[in-house]
Amino acid sequence: MSRLKSKELSKLDGGERGRKLAEVRAELSKLKAGAARGTLRKEVGQINALKKNIARILTVINAQKEETT
């Protein structure tokens, strides 16, 4: 998965952001399971990228909540 940009995430509506967050979390879960089994070789670097993408999505979600309150 490529790097998600904050500007692109802020343009999405809440439902789409939620789906994107669930998708990224599911992919991270698969990679972590593969790492635990020892079958992960090339995708090791993707784990950190996925964690950062999750943080970006959550940051945009929380910023939107701050704006509305």
PDB file of N, CA and C in Angstrom:
ATOM      1  N   MET A   1       0.840  -1.171   0.000  1.00  0.00           N
ATOM      2  CA  MET A   1       0.000   0.000   0.000  1.00  0.00           C
ATOM      3  C   MET A   1       0.887   1.237   0.000  1.00  0.00           C
ATOM      4  N   SER A   2       0.477   2.218  -0.765  1.00  0.00           N
ATOM      5  CA  SER A   2       1.266   3.433  -0.863  1.00  0.00           C
ATOM      6  C   SER A   2       0.975   4.359   0.310  1.00  0.00           C
ATOM      7  N   ARG A   3       1.786   5.376   0.412  1.00  0.00           N
ATOM      8  CA  ARG A   3       1.642   6.346   1.495  1.00  0.00           C
ATOM      9  C   ARG A   3       0.368   7.152   1.276  1.00  0.00           C
ATOM     10  N   LEU A   4      -0.420   7.281   2.318  1.00  0.00           N
ATOM     11  CA  LEU A   4      -1.638   8.070   2.245  1.00  0.00           C
ATOM     12  C   LEU A   4      -1.303   9.510   2.595  1.00  0.00           C
ATOM     13  N   LYS A   5      -1.844  10.441   1.851  1.00  0.00           N
ATOM     14  CA  LYS A   5      -1.575  11.851   2.101  1.00  0.00           C
ATOM     15  C   LYS A   5      -2.711  12.450   2.917  1.00  0.00           C
ATOM     16  N   SER A   6      -2.357  13.331   3.841  1.00  0.00           N
ATOM     17  CA  SER A   6      -3.342  13.940   4.729  1.00  0.00           C
ATOM     18  C   SER A   6      -4.376  14.748   3.951  1.00  0.00           C
ATOM     19  N   LYS A   7      -3.942  15.439   2.901  1.00  0.00           N
ATOM     20  CA  LYS A   7      -4.880  16.233   2.101  1.00  0.00           C
ATOM     21  C   LYS A   7      -5.928  15.342   1.448  1.00  0.00           C
ATOM     22  N   GLU A   8      -5.480  14.201   0.934  1.00  0.00           N
ATOM     23  CA  GLU A   8      -6.419  13.270   0.304  1.00  0.00           C
ATOM     24  C   GLU A   8      -7.384  12.703   1.335  1.00  0.00           C
ATOM     25  N   LEU A   9      -6.864  12.404   2.530  1.00  0.00           N
ATOM     26  CA  LEU A   9      -7.711  11.842   3.578  1.00  0.00           C
ATOM     27  C   LEU A   9      -8.738  12.851   4.064  1.00  0.00           C
ATOM     28  N   SER A  10      -8.358  14.124   4.114  1.00  0.00           N
ATOM     29  CA  SER A  10      -9.298  15.131   4.594  1.00  0.00           C
ATOM     30  C   SER A  10     -10.431  15.360   3.598  1.00  0.00           C
ATOM     31  N   LYS A  11     -10.201  15.039   2.328  1.00  0.00           N
ATOM     32  CA  LYS A  11     -11.247  15.184   1.315  1.00  0.00           C
ATOM     33  C   LYS A  11     -12.286  14.066   1.395  1.00  0.00           C
ATOM     34  N   LEU A  12     -11.910  12.928   1.973  1.00  0.00           N
ATOM     35  CA  LEU A  12     -12.841  11.802   2.084  1.00  0.00           C
ATOM     36  C   LEU A  12     -13.878  12.084   3.161  1.00  0.00           C
ATOM     37  N   ASP A  13     -15.064  11.490   3.010  1.00  0.00           N
ATOM     38  CA  ASP A  13     -16.057  11.644   4.069  1.00  0.00           C
ATOM     39  C   ASP A  13     -15.779  10.620   5.174  1.00  0.00           C
ATOM     40  N   GLY A  14     -16.504  10.735   6.267  1.00  0.00           N
ATOM     41  CA  GLY A  14     -16.252   9.902   7.443  1.00  0.00           C
ATOM     42  C   GLY A  14     -16.351   8.413   7.180  1.00  0.00           C
ATOM     43  N   GLY A  15     -17.326   8.003   6.393  1.00  0.00           N
ATOM     44  CA  GLY A  15     -17.501   6.587   6.091  1.00  0.00           C
ATOM     45  C   GLY A  15     -16.348   6.011   5.289  1.00  0.00           C
ATOM     46  N   GLU A  16     -15.892   6.786   4.319  1.00  0.00           N
ATOM     47  CA  GLU A  16     -14.771   6.319   3.497  1.00  0.00           C
ATOM     48  C   GLU A  16     -13.497   6.225   4.321  1.00  0.00           C
ATOM     49  N   ARG A  17     -13.298   7.203   5.214  1.00  0.00           N
ATOM     50  CA  ARG A  17     -12.121   7.150   6.092  1.00  0.00           C
ATOM     51  C   ARG A  17     -12.182   5.935   6.997  1.00  0.00           C
ATOM     52  N   GLY A  18     -13.363   5.630   7.503  1.00  0.00           N
ATOM     53  CA  GLY A  18     -13.534   4.458   8.356  1.00  0.00           C
ATOM     54  C   GLY A  18     -13.231   3.168   7.615  1.00  0.00           C
ATOM     55  N   ARG A  19     -13.697   3.084   6.368  1.00  0.00           N
ATOM     56  CA  ARG A  19     -13.413   1.896   5.556  1.00  0.00           C
ATOM     57  C   ARG A  19     -11.923   1.780   5.260  1.00  0.00           C
ATOM     58  N   LYS A  20     -11.295   2.907   4.960  1.00  0.00           N
ATOM     59  CA  LYS A  20      -9.856   2.901   4.673  1.00  0.00           C
ATOM     60  C   LYS A  20      -9.078   2.476   5.915  1.00  0.00           C
ATOM     61  N   LEU A  21      -9.510   2.955   7.087  1.00  0.00           N
ATOM     62  CA  LEU A  21      -8.855   2.589   8.345  1.00  0.00           C
ATOM     63  C   LEU A  21      -8.992   1.091   8.597  1.00  0.00           C
ATOM     64  N   ALA A  22     -10.178   0.549   8.390  1.00  0.00           N
ATOM     65  CA  ALA A  22     -10.393  -0.887   8.583  1.00  0.00           C
ATOM     66  C   ALA A  22      -9.550  -1.702   7.606  1.00  0.00           C
ATOM     67  N   GLU A  23      -9.453  -1.228   6.372  1.00  0.00           N
ATOM     68  CA  GLU A  23      -8.667  -1.924   5.353  1.00  0.00           C
ATOM     69  C   GLU A  23      -7.180  -1.950   5.734  1.00  0.00           C
ATOM     70  N   VAL A  24      -6.656  -0.819   6.177  1.00  0.00           N
ATOM     71  CA  VAL A  24      -5.238  -0.739   6.536  1.00  0.00           C
ATOM     72  C   VAL A  24      -4.959  -1.582   7.779  1.00  0.00           C
ATOM     73  N   ARG A  25      -5.873  -1.548   8.747  1.00  0.00           N
ATOM     74  CA  ARG A  25      -5.691  -2.356   9.955  1.00  0.00           C
ATOM     75  C   ARG A  25      -5.718  -3.851   9.630  1.00  0.00           C
ATOM     76  N   ALA A  26      -6.581  -4.263   8.706  1.00  0.00           N
ATOM     77  CA  ALA A  26      -6.645  -5.674   8.314  1.00  0.00           C
ATOM     78  C   ALA A  26      -5.349  -6.098   7.634  1.00  0.00           C
ATOM     79  N   GLU A  27      -4.828  -5.236   6.786  1.00  0.00           N
ATOM     80  CA  GLU A  27      -3.573  -5.554   6.106  1.00  0.00           C
ATOM     81  C   GLU A  27      -2.421  -5.637   7.112  1.00  0.00           C
ATOM     82  N   LEU A  28      -2.405  -4.732   8.085  1.00  0.00           N
ATOM     83  CA  LEU A  28      -1.375  -4.767   9.123  1.00  0.00           C
ATOM     84  C   LEU A  28      -1.476  -6.053   9.930  1.00  0.00           C
ATOM     85  N   SER A  29      -2.691  -6.469  10.219  1.00  0.00           N
ATOM     86  CA  SER A  29      -2.900  -7.706  10.972  1.00  0.00           C
ATOM     87  C   SER A  29      -2.341  -8.911  10.216  1.00  0.00           C
ATOM     88  N   LYS A  30      -2.579  -8.950   8.899  1.00  0.00           N
ATOM     89  CA  LYS A  30      -2.060 -10.051   8.081  1.00  0.00           C
ATOM     90  C   LYS A  30      -0.535 -10.071   8.087  1.00  0.00           C
ATOM     91  N   LEU A  31       0.061  -8.896   7.956  1.00  0.00           N
ATOM     92  CA  LEU A  31       1.521  -8.829   7.930  1.00  0.00           C
ATOM     93  C   LEU A  31       2.123  -9.208   9.274  1.00  0.00           C
ATOM     94  N   LYS A  32       1.486  -8.790  10.360  1.00  0.00           N
ATOM     95  CA  LYS A  32       1.994  -9.147  11.687  1.00  0.00           C
ATOM     96  C   LYS A  32       1.891 -10.650  11.913  1.00  0.00           C
ATOM     97  N   ALA A  33       0.814 -11.257  11.429  1.00  0.00           N
ATOM     98  CA  ALA A  33       0.666 -12.708  11.565  1.00  0.00           C
ATOM     99  C   ALA A  33       1.747 -13.427  10.762  1.00  0.00           C
ATOM    100  N   GLY A  34       2.031 -12.933   9.575  1.00  0.00           N
ATOM    101  CA  GLY A  34       3.090 -13.520   8.763  1.00  0.00           C
ATOM    102  C   GLY A  34       4.451 -13.363   9.414  1.00  0.00           C
ATOM    103  N   ALA A  35       4.676 -12.240  10.056  1.00  0.00           N
ATOM    104  CA  ALA A  35       5.950 -12.013  10.740  1.00  0.00           C
ATOM    105  C   ALA A  35       6.088 -12.948  11.929  1.00  0.00           C
ATOM    106  N   ALA A  36       5.002 -13.209  12.624  1.00  0.00           N
ATOM    107  CA  ALA A  36       5.040 -14.102  13.781  1.00  0.00           C
ATOM    108  C   ALA A  36       5.321 -15.545  13.351  1.00  0.00           C
ATOM    109  N   ARG A  37       4.810 -15.927  12.184  1.00  0.00           N
ATOM    110  CA  ARG A  37       5.059 -17.277  11.667  1.00  0.00           C
ATOM    111  C   ARG A  37       6.455 -17.403  11.077  1.00  0.00           C
ATOM    112  N   GLY A  38       7.062 -16.280  10.759  1.00  0.00           N
ATOM    113  CA  GLY A  38       8.387 -16.306  10.163  1.00  0.00           C
ATOM    114  C   GLY A  38       8.366 -16.425   8.657  1.00  0.00           C
ATOM    115  N   THR A  39       7.208 -16.207   8.045  1.00  0.00           N
ATOM    116  CA  THR A  39       7.098 -16.336   6.596  1.00  0.00           C
ATOM    117  C   THR A  39       7.233 -14.994   5.886  1.00  0.00           C
ATOM    118  N   LEU A  40       7.496 -13.963   6.627  1.00  0.00           N
ATOM    119  CA  LEU A  40       7.545 -12.612   6.069  1.00  0.00           C
ATOM    120  C   LEU A  40       8.983 -12.254   5.715  1.00  0.00           C
ATOM    121  N   ARG A  41       9.218 -11.889   4.484  1.00  0.00           N
ATOM    122  CA  ARG A  41      10.569 -11.511   4.082  1.00  0.00           C
ATOM    123  C   ARG A  41      10.580 -10.095   3.490  1.00  0.00           C
ATOM    124  N   LYS A  42       9.966  -9.944   2.338  1.00  0.00           N
ATOM    125  CA  LYS A  42      10.029  -8.669   1.624  1.00  0.00           C
ATOM    126  C   LYS A  42       9.150  -7.596   2.260  1.00  0.00           C
ATOM    127  N   GLU A  43       8.087  -8.002   2.912  1.00  0.00           N
ATOM    128  CA  GLU A  43       7.089  -7.055   3.384  1.00  0.00           C
ATOM    129  C   GLU A  43       7.370  -6.487   4.768  1.00  0.00           C
ATOM    130  N   VAL A  44       8.527  -6.751   5.334  1.00  0.00           N
ATOM    131  CA  VAL A  44       8.833  -6.286   6.686  1.00  0.00           C
ATOM    132  C   VAL A  44       8.757  -4.764   6.767  1.00  0.00           C
ATOM    133  N   GLY A  45       9.239  -4.072   5.765  1.00  0.00           N
ATOM    134  CA  GLY A  45       9.217  -2.613   5.762  1.00  0.00           C
ATOM    135  C   GLY A  45       7.824  -2.035   5.662  1.00  0.00           C
ATOM    136  N   GLN A  46       6.879  -2.817   5.190  1.00  0.00           N
ATOM    137  CA  GLN A  46       5.513  -2.325   5.045  1.00  0.00           C
ATOM    138  C   GLN A  46       4.812  -2.170   6.382  1.00  0.00           C
ATOM    139  N   ILE A  47       5.248  -2.892   7.402  1.00  0.00           N
ATOM    140  CA  ILE A  47       4.587  -2.821   8.703  1.00  0.00           C
ATOM    141  C   ILE A  47       4.668  -1.402   9.248  1.00  0.00           C
ATOM    142  N   ASN A  48       5.851  -0.801   9.213  1.00  0.00           N
ATOM    143  CA  ASN A  48       5.996   0.567   9.711  1.00  0.00           C
ATOM    144  C   ASN A  48       5.202   1.551   8.864  1.00  0.00           C
ATOM    145  N   ALA A  49       5.181   1.359   7.553  1.00  0.00           N
ATOM    146  CA  ALA A  49       4.421   2.241   6.673  1.00  0.00           C
ATOM    147  C   ALA A  49       2.926   2.155   6.982  1.00  0.00           C
ATOM    148  N   LEU A  50       2.433   0.954   7.252  1.00  0.00           N
ATOM    149  CA  LEU A  50       1.014   0.793   7.575  1.00  0.00           C
ATOM    150  C   LEU A  50       0.680   1.449   8.908  1.00  0.00           C
ATOM    151  N   LYS A  51       1.579   1.322   9.873  1.00  0.00           N
ATOM    152  CA  LYS A  51       1.357   1.975  11.170  1.00  0.00           C
ATOM    153  C   LYS A  51       1.265   3.493  10.997  1.00  0.00           C
ATOM    154  N   LYS A  52       2.121   4.036  10.156  1.00  0.00           N
ATOM    155  CA  LYS A  52       2.099   5.479   9.908  1.00  0.00           C
ATOM    156  C   LYS A  52       0.826   5.891   9.182  1.00  0.00           C
ATOM    157  N   ASN A  53       0.358   5.059   8.248  1.00  0.00           N
ATOM    158  CA  ASN A  53      -0.893   5.356   7.552  1.00  0.00           C
ATOM    159  C   ASN A  53      -2.067   5.354   8.523  1.00  0.00           C
ATOM    160  N   ILE A  54      -2.081   4.403   9.453  1.00  0.00           N
ATOM    161  CA  ILE A  54      -3.140   4.355  10.460  1.00  0.00           C
ATOM    162  C   ILE A  54      -3.107   5.626  11.297  1.00  0.00           C
ATOM    163  N   ALA A  55      -1.912   6.049  11.686  1.00  0.00           N
ATOM    164  CA  ALA A  55      -1.780   7.273  12.478  1.00  0.00           C
ATOM    165  C   ALA A  55      -2.269   8.486  11.692  1.00  0.00           C
ATOM    166  N   ARG A  56      -1.976   8.547  10.399  1.00  0.00           N
ATOM    167  CA  ARG A  56      -2.444   9.665   9.570  1.00  0.00           C
ATOM    168  C   ARG A  56      -3.965   9.698   9.503  1.00  0.00           C
ATOM    169  N   ILE A  57      -4.573   8.543   9.308  1.00  0.00           N
ATOM    170  CA  ILE A  57      -6.034   8.481   9.219  1.00  0.00           C
ATOM    171  C   ILE A  57      -6.657   8.920  10.537  1.00  0.00           C
ATOM    172  N   LEU A  58      -6.138   8.407  11.645  1.00  0.00           N
ATOM    173  CA  LEU A  58      -6.686   8.767  12.954  1.00  0.00           C
ATOM    174  C   LEU A  58      -6.485  10.247  13.257  1.00  0.00           C
ATOM    175  N   THR A  59      -5.376  10.812  12.816  1.00  0.00           N
ATOM    176  CA  THR A  59      -5.125  12.237  13.017  1.00  0.00           C
ATOM    177  C   THR A  59      -6.160  13.072  12.282  1.00  0.00           C
ATOM    178  N   VAL A  60      -6.461  12.703  11.044  1.00  0.00           N
ATOM    179  CA  VAL A  60      -7.458  13.441  10.268  1.00  0.00           C
ATOM    180  C   VAL A  60      -8.835  13.289  10.902  1.00  0.00           C
ATOM    181  N   ILE A  61      -9.170  12.082  11.356  1.00  0.00           N
ATOM    182  CA  ILE A  61     -10.467  11.852  11.995  1.00  0.00           C
ATOM    183  C   ILE A  61     -10.597  12.709  13.249  1.00  0.00           C
ATOM    184  N   ASN A  62      -9.558  12.730  14.077  1.00  0.00           N
ATOM    185  CA  ASN A  62      -9.606  13.518  15.306  1.00  0.00           C
ATOM    186  C   ASN A  62      -9.628  15.015  15.020  1.00  0.00           C
ATOM    187  N   ALA A  63      -8.943  15.460  13.979  1.00  0.00           N
ATOM    188  CA  ALA A  63      -8.971  16.874  13.608  1.00  0.00           C
ATOM    189  C   ALA A  63     -10.375  17.274  13.163  1.00  0.00           C
ATOM    190  N   GLN A  64     -11.045  16.395  12.427  1.00  0.00           N
ATOM    191  CA  GLN A  64     -12.415  16.682  11.997  1.00  0.00           C
ATOM    192  C   GLN A  64     -13.355  16.768  13.196  1.00  0.00           C
ATOM    193  N   LYS A  65     -13.137  15.891  14.189  1.00  0.00           N
ATOM    194  CA  LYS A  65     -13.962  15.930  15.398  1.00  0.00           C
ATOM    195  C   LYS A  65     -13.744  17.228  16.157  1.00  0.00           C
ATOM    196  N   GLU A  66     -12.492  17.693  16.218  1.00  0.00           N
ATOM    197  CA  GLU A  66     -12.170  18.942  16.907  1.00  0.00           C
ATOM    198  C   GLU A  66     -12.847  20.124  16.225  1.00  0.00           C
ATOM    199  N   GLU A  67     -12.886  20.114  14.897  1.00  0.00           N
ATOM    200  CA  GLU A  67     -13.503  21.206  14.153  1.00  0.00           C
ATOM    201  C   GLU A  67     -15.001  21.283  14.396  1.00  0.00           C
ATOM    202  N   THR A  68     -15.649  20.144  14.525  1.00  0.00           N
ATOM    203  CA  THR A  68     -17.100  20.136  14.677  1.00  0.00           C
ATOM    204  C   THR A  68     -17.543  20.490  16.090  1.00  0.00           C
ATOM    205  N   THR A  69     -16.667  20.339  17.062  1.00  0.00           N
ATOM    206  CA  THR A  69     -17.069  20.666  18.440  1.00  0.00           C
ATOM    207  C   THR A  69     -16.665  22.044  18.837  1.00  0.00           C
TER     208      THR A  69
END
